[in-house]
Amino acid sequence: MILATRFIFIVAFVLSSMLTNAQTKIVAHRGFSGIAPENTLISFQKAIDCKADYFELDVHKTKNDSIVVIHNSSVDKTSSNGFKGEIAELNYSDLRAVYVGYSRKFGAKYENEKIPTLREALALAKGKIKVCIEIKVFGTEKEVLKIVNDLGVKEDVIIFSFKYPVLAKIRQLDTDIPILWLINKADKMTLEYAKIIESNAIGVGPQTRVTKEYLNFAHENAIEVWKWTVNKEDEMQRLIDLGLDGLITDFPDKALNKLSTTQNKRH
């Protein structure tokens, strides 16, 4: 019994040390959305080009059950050709007429960008970059997993959601695919809830100030801590210095530069 307890302690310690010493992963939020329209193939390609570790995307389901990549429940925000409507009330064929160049932010530069499907986004990423898939609505879990498995990219994705039951369903359907629970304000109890669904990580928002103490506590429980959306360079530096596991940003180039500079100083 004593030997078994000691073995468990050693394994936990090693896992914790591995997490603590791991390099901060740089995640391009909705692709490289600082310089290209969010959740588009051009934004994802720019994330690949700048050598981010992951790009993050959001998925909704259309009226005819296609899984498409867009953040909001409607196309109103990013549409560049005046098209409006709710994703859940439109068929995929309807959405092919929508251009999402986000003209209010980028003018006419990307006016012909369209809403990609999850399958298209993952096919673009395969072999080049890992992908964070944020599920925005209930009832998409089986379809998302099927697409991931069809393309053979299970080892290169992590499933995000703010919706705890969505992640519980994913874990029920797949016992080992990485999952991350998004929650704006986290505390130590958050980690207990994360452990129930065997979440690999939590993603915290602006209402959570990540400290070394909190990171250490999470790592002792074999859970990573990621943070969104970090665009200020001084905060990027602080979190990299702390050993944050995943830094989600609209400007992955700036975060990668901070990470590279930090590593050079250490060596």
Protein backbone atom coordinates (compact mmCIF):
# COMPACT_ATOMS: atom_id res chain seq x y z
CA MET A 1 0.00 0.00 0.00
CA ILE A 2 2.85 2.39 0.90
CA LEU A 3 4.68 1.56 -2.33
CA ALA A 4 1.52 2.09 -4.38
CA THR A 5 0.91 5.47 -2.74
CA ARG A 6 4.52 6.49 -3.33
CA PHE A 7 4.28 5.42 -6.98
CA ILE A 8 1.14 7.52 -7.51
CA PHE A 9 2.85 10.50 -5.89
CA ILE A 10 5.90 10.13 -8.15
CA VAL A 11 3.75 9.88 -11.29
CA ALA A 12 1.77 12.98 -10.25
CA PHE A 13 5.00 14.84 -9.54
CA VAL A 14 6.48 13.93 -12.94
CA LEU A 15 3.31 14.97 -14.75
CA SER A 16 3.25 18.23 -12.84
CA SER A 17 6.90 18.89 -13.68
CA MET A 18 6.29 18.17 -17.36
CA LEU A 19 3.41 20.64 -17.40
CA THR A 20 5.37 23.28 -15.52
CA ASN A 21 8.39 23.06 -17.82
CA ALA A 22 6.45 22.88 -21.06
CA GLN A 23 6.77 25.74 -23.52
CA THR A 24 3.82 28.10 -23.70
CA LYS A 25 1.67 27.18 -26.69
CA ILE A 26 0.75 30.14 -28.89
CA VAL A 27 -2.80 29.97 -30.21
CA ALA A 28 -4.07 32.17 -33.06
CA HIS A 29 -7.52 33.32 -31.96
CA ARG A 30 -10.03 32.67 -34.77
CA GLY A 31 -6.93 32.37 -36.94
CA PHE A 32 -4.59 35.33 -37.29
CA SER A 33 -7.59 37.59 -36.73
CA GLY A 34 -5.49 40.67 -36.00
CA ILE A 35 -4.61 40.96 -39.68
CA ALA A 36 -7.29 38.95 -41.54
CA PRO A 37 -11.02 38.24 -41.19
CA GLU A 38 -11.73 35.94 -38.25
CA ASN A 39 -12.62 32.29 -38.84
CA THR A 40 -11.73 32.31 -42.53
CA LEU A 41 -9.33 30.15 -44.49
CA ILE A 42 -7.05 33.12 -45.17
CA SER A 43 -6.88 33.82 -41.44
CA PHE A 44 -6.01 30.19 -40.76
CA GLN A 45 -3.36 30.19 -43.49
CA LYS A 46 -1.75 33.27 -41.98
CA ALA A 47 -1.64 31.48 -38.60
CA ILE A 48 0.14 28.59 -40.32
CA ASP A 49 2.54 30.96 -42.06
CA CYS A 50 3.55 32.68 -38.82
CA LYS A 51 4.15 29.25 -37.22
CA ALA A 52 1.64 29.47 -34.38
CA ASP A 53 1.20 26.20 -32.48
CA TYR A 54 -2.58 26.18 -32.97
CA PHE A 55 -5.31 28.18 -34.57
CA GLU A 56 -8.65 28.38 -32.82
CA LEU A 57 -12.00 28.31 -34.58
CA ASP A 58 -15.69 28.32 -33.65
CA VAL A 59 -18.37 26.01 -35.01
CA HIS A 60 -22.12 26.25 -35.46
CA LYS A 61 -24.61 23.92 -37.13
CA THR A 62 -26.74 24.92 -40.10
CA LYS A 63 -30.40 24.06 -40.64
CA ASN A 64 -29.38 21.01 -42.67
CA ASP A 65 -26.75 19.91 -40.10
CA SER A 66 -23.58 21.13 -41.81
CA ILE A 67 -20.85 22.14 -39.35
CA VAL A 68 -19.56 25.58 -40.34
CA VAL A 69 -16.90 27.86 -38.94
CA ILE A 70 -18.17 31.17 -37.57
CA HIS A 71 -18.18 32.79 -34.14
CA ASN A 72 -21.58 34.44 -33.87
CA SER A 73 -24.93 32.70 -34.24
CA SER A 74 -25.67 34.99 -37.21
CA VAL A 75 -23.66 36.24 -40.18
CA ASP A 76 -24.52 39.89 -39.50
CA LYS A 77 -21.21 40.94 -37.89
CA THR A 78 -18.71 39.71 -40.46
CA SER A 79 -20.78 39.76 -43.65
CA SER A 80 -19.24 41.98 -46.32
CA ASN A 81 -22.09 41.79 -48.84
CA GLY A 82 -25.03 42.80 -46.67
CA PHE A 83 -26.31 39.27 -46.10
CA LYS A 84 -28.03 38.72 -42.75
CA GLY A 85 -29.47 35.70 -40.99
CA GLU A 86 -29.16 33.10 -38.24
CA ILE A 87 -26.89 30.13 -38.94
CA ALA A 88 -29.40 27.66 -37.49
CA GLU A 89 -32.11 28.91 -39.86
CA LEU A 90 -30.01 28.69 -43.02
CA ASN A 91 -28.88 25.76 -45.12
CA TYR A 92 -25.24 25.42 -46.10
CA SER A 93 -26.16 26.29 -49.69
CA ASP A 94 -27.56 29.61 -48.42
CA LEU A 95 -24.31 30.37 -46.63
CA ARG A 96 -22.26 29.89 -49.79
CA ALA A 97 -23.73 33.20 -50.93
CA VAL A 98 -22.35 34.99 -47.88
CA TYR A 99 -19.00 36.78 -47.98
CA VAL A 100 -17.36 37.30 -44.59
CA GLY A 101 -14.46 39.61 -45.34
CA TYR A 102 -15.47 41.71 -42.31
CA SER A 103 -15.52 44.89 -44.38
CA ARG A 104 -16.09 47.11 -41.35
CA LYS A 105 -12.62 46.14 -40.17
CA PHE A 106 -10.70 45.26 -43.34
CA GLY A 107 -12.47 47.17 -46.09
CA ALA A 108 -12.51 45.42 -49.48
CA LYS A 109 -9.18 43.59 -49.03
CA TYR A 110 -10.77 40.22 -48.20
CA GLU A 111 -14.24 40.82 -49.55
CA ASN A 112 -14.48 37.43 -51.29
CA GLU A 113 -13.76 35.26 -48.25
CA LYS A 114 -16.49 32.73 -47.51
CA ILE A 115 -17.64 30.79 -44.46
CA PRO A 116 -15.61 27.58 -44.36
CA THR A 117 -16.84 24.24 -43.15
CA LEU A 118 -15.05 22.53 -40.29
CA ARG A 119 -13.91 19.87 -42.74
CA GLU A 120 -12.29 22.51 -44.98
CA ALA A 121 -10.52 24.16 -42.05
CA LEU A 122 -9.15 20.89 -40.70
CA ALA A 123 -8.05 19.77 -44.16
CA LEU A 124 -6.10 23.02 -44.52
CA ALA A 125 -4.47 22.50 -41.12
CA LYS A 126 -3.61 18.82 -41.47
CA GLY A 127 0.10 18.21 -41.10
CA LYS A 128 0.84 21.91 -40.64
CA ILE A 129 -0.71 23.15 -37.39
CA LYS A 130 -2.91 21.97 -34.55
CA VAL A 131 -6.48 23.21 -34.13
CA CYS A 132 -8.68 24.26 -31.21
CA ILE A 133 -12.33 23.58 -32.06
CA GLU A 134 -14.72 25.64 -29.96
CA ILE A 135 -18.23 24.19 -30.02
CA LYS A 136 -20.75 27.02 -29.68
CA VAL A 137 -24.04 25.10 -29.67
CA PHE A 138 -25.48 21.89 -28.28
CA GLY A 139 -26.09 18.92 -30.53
CA THR A 140 -22.94 19.13 -32.66
CA GLU A 141 -20.75 16.74 -30.68
CA LYS A 142 -21.15 13.59 -32.81
CA GLU A 143 -20.77 15.48 -36.09
CA VAL A 144 -17.60 17.25 -34.90
CA LEU A 145 -15.99 14.00 -33.76
CA LYS A 146 -16.95 12.27 -37.02
CA ILE A 147 -15.24 14.98 -39.09
CA VAL A 148 -12.14 14.85 -36.87
CA ASN A 149 -11.95 11.07 -37.19
CA ASP A 150 -12.73 11.05 -40.93
CA LEU A 151 -9.75 13.32 -41.53
CA GLY A 152 -7.49 11.45 -39.12
CA VAL A 153 -6.57 14.53 -37.09
CA LYS A 154 -7.62 13.45 -33.62
CA GLU A 155 -4.04 13.78 -32.34
CA ASP A 156 -3.89 17.36 -33.59
CA VAL A 157 -7.04 18.89 -32.12
CA ILE A 158 -8.41 19.95 -28.77
CA ILE A 159 -12.13 20.55 -28.20
CA PHE A 160 -13.12 23.80 -26.45
CA SER A 161 -16.48 24.87 -25.06
CA PHE A 162 -18.02 27.19 -22.50
CA LYS A 163 -20.85 24.67 -22.30
CA TYR A 164 -19.94 22.10 -19.68
CA PRO A 165 -22.57 19.55 -20.88
CA VAL A 166 -21.06 19.71 -24.39
CA LEU A 167 -17.68 18.68 -23.03
CA ALA A 168 -19.28 16.01 -20.85
CA LYS A 169 -20.90 14.60 -24.00
CA ILE A 170 -17.61 14.71 -25.91
CA ARG A 171 -15.91 12.83 -23.08
CA GLN A 172 -18.72 10.26 -23.08
CA LEU A 173 -18.29 9.73 -26.82
CA ASP A 174 -14.49 9.75 -26.77
CA THR A 175 -12.54 8.93 -23.64
CA ASP A 176 -9.20 10.35 -24.66
CA ILE A 177 -9.60 13.26 -27.11
CA PRO A 178 -8.20 16.42 -25.45
CA ILE A 179 -10.83 18.83 -24.12
CA LEU A 180 -10.65 22.29 -22.57
CA TRP A 181 -13.36 23.97 -20.50
CA LEU A 182 -13.68 27.71 -21.13
CA ILE A 183 -14.67 29.81 -18.14
CA ASN A 184 -14.11 33.53 -17.68
CA LYS A 185 -13.57 33.60 -13.93
CA ALA A 186 -11.80 30.54 -12.54
CA ASP A 187 -10.82 29.46 -9.04
CA LYS A 188 -9.63 26.25 -7.42
CA MET A 189 -13.15 24.75 -7.51
CA THR A 190 -13.12 25.20 -11.29
CA LEU A 191 -10.38 22.60 -11.43
CA GLU A 192 -12.47 20.14 -9.42
CA TYR A 193 -15.31 20.46 -11.95
CA ALA A 194 -12.81 20.08 -14.78
CA LYS A 195 -11.51 16.85 -13.27
CA ILE A 196 -15.02 15.34 -13.23
CA ILE A 197 -15.14 15.36 -17.04
CA GLU A 198 -11.42 14.55 -17.30
CA SER A 199 -10.70 17.88 -18.94
CA ASN A 200 -7.08 18.27 -19.98
CA ALA A 201 -7.15 22.02 -19.51
CA ILE A 202 -9.17 25.07 -18.61
CA GLY A 203 -9.24 28.28 -20.61
CA VAL A 204 -9.68 31.39 -18.49
CA GLY A 205 -10.73 34.89 -19.51
CA PRO A 206 -10.05 38.50 -18.55
CA GLN A 207 -11.75 38.10 -15.17
CA THR A 208 -9.05 35.66 -14.05
CA ARG A 209 -5.59 36.91 -13.16
CA VAL A 210 -3.34 33.91 -13.54
CA THR A 211 -0.72 33.60 -10.81
CA LYS A 212 2.17 31.21 -10.30
CA GLU A 213 0.35 29.76 -7.31
CA TYR A 214 -2.72 28.99 -9.40
CA LEU A 215 -0.65 27.49 -12.20
CA ASN A 216 1.19 25.26 -9.75
CA PHE A 217 -2.09 24.11 -8.19
CA ALA A 218 -3.53 23.30 -11.61
CA HIS A 219 -0.40 21.40 -12.61
CA GLU A 220 -0.51 19.41 -9.37
CA ASN A 221 -3.94 18.29 -10.57
CA ALA A 222 -2.55 17.50 -14.06
CA ILE A 223 -4.60 20.29 -15.68
CA GLU A 224 -3.19 22.93 -18.00
CA VAL A 225 -4.21 26.61 -17.87
CA TRP A 226 -4.73 28.58 -21.08
CA LYS A 227 -5.88 32.20 -21.32
CA TRP A 228 -7.82 34.28 -23.84
CA THR A 229 -7.60 36.85 -25.46
CA VAL A 230 -4.15 38.25 -24.64
CA ASN A 231 -3.22 41.09 -27.00
CA LYS A 232 -1.16 43.39 -24.78
CA GLU A 233 2.53 42.61 -25.07
CA ASP A 234 3.36 43.26 -21.42
CA GLU A 235 0.71 40.73 -20.38
CA MET A 236 1.99 38.25 -22.96
CA GLN A 237 5.44 38.55 -21.39
CA ARG A 238 4.14 38.18 -17.84
CA LEU A 239 2.21 35.02 -18.68
CA ILE A 240 5.08 33.47 -20.65
CA ASP A 241 7.41 34.16 -17.73
CA LEU A 242 4.93 32.45 -15.39
CA GLY A 243 4.84 29.36 -17.57
CA LEU A 244 1.26 29.66 -18.82
CA ASP A 245 0.38 26.58 -20.86
CA GLY A 246 -1.57 28.22 -23.68
CA LEU A 247 -1.75 31.87 -24.74
CA ILE A 248 -4.66 32.72 -27.05
CA THR A 249 -4.20 35.93 -29.02
CA ASP A 250 -5.28 37.85 -32.12
CA PHE A 251 -1.59 38.59 -32.74
CA PRO A 252 0.32 35.29 -32.59
CA ASP A 253 3.37 36.90 -34.24
CA LYS A 254 3.85 39.21 -31.25
CA ALA A 255 3.43 36.35 -28.77
CA LEU A 256 5.88 34.16 -30.70
CA ASN A 257 8.40 36.99 -30.68
CA LYS A 258 8.04 37.37 -26.90
CA LEU A 259 8.43 33.62 -26.45
CA SER A 260 11.53 33.49 -28.66
CA THR A 261 13.14 36.42 -26.85
CA THR A 262 12.42 34.82 -23.48
CA GLN A 263 13.93 31.50 -24.53
CA ASN A 264 17.06 33.19 -25.86
CA LYS A 265 17.53 34.98 -22.53
CA ARG A 266 17.21 31.69 -20.66
CA HIS A 267 19.94 30.13 -22.78
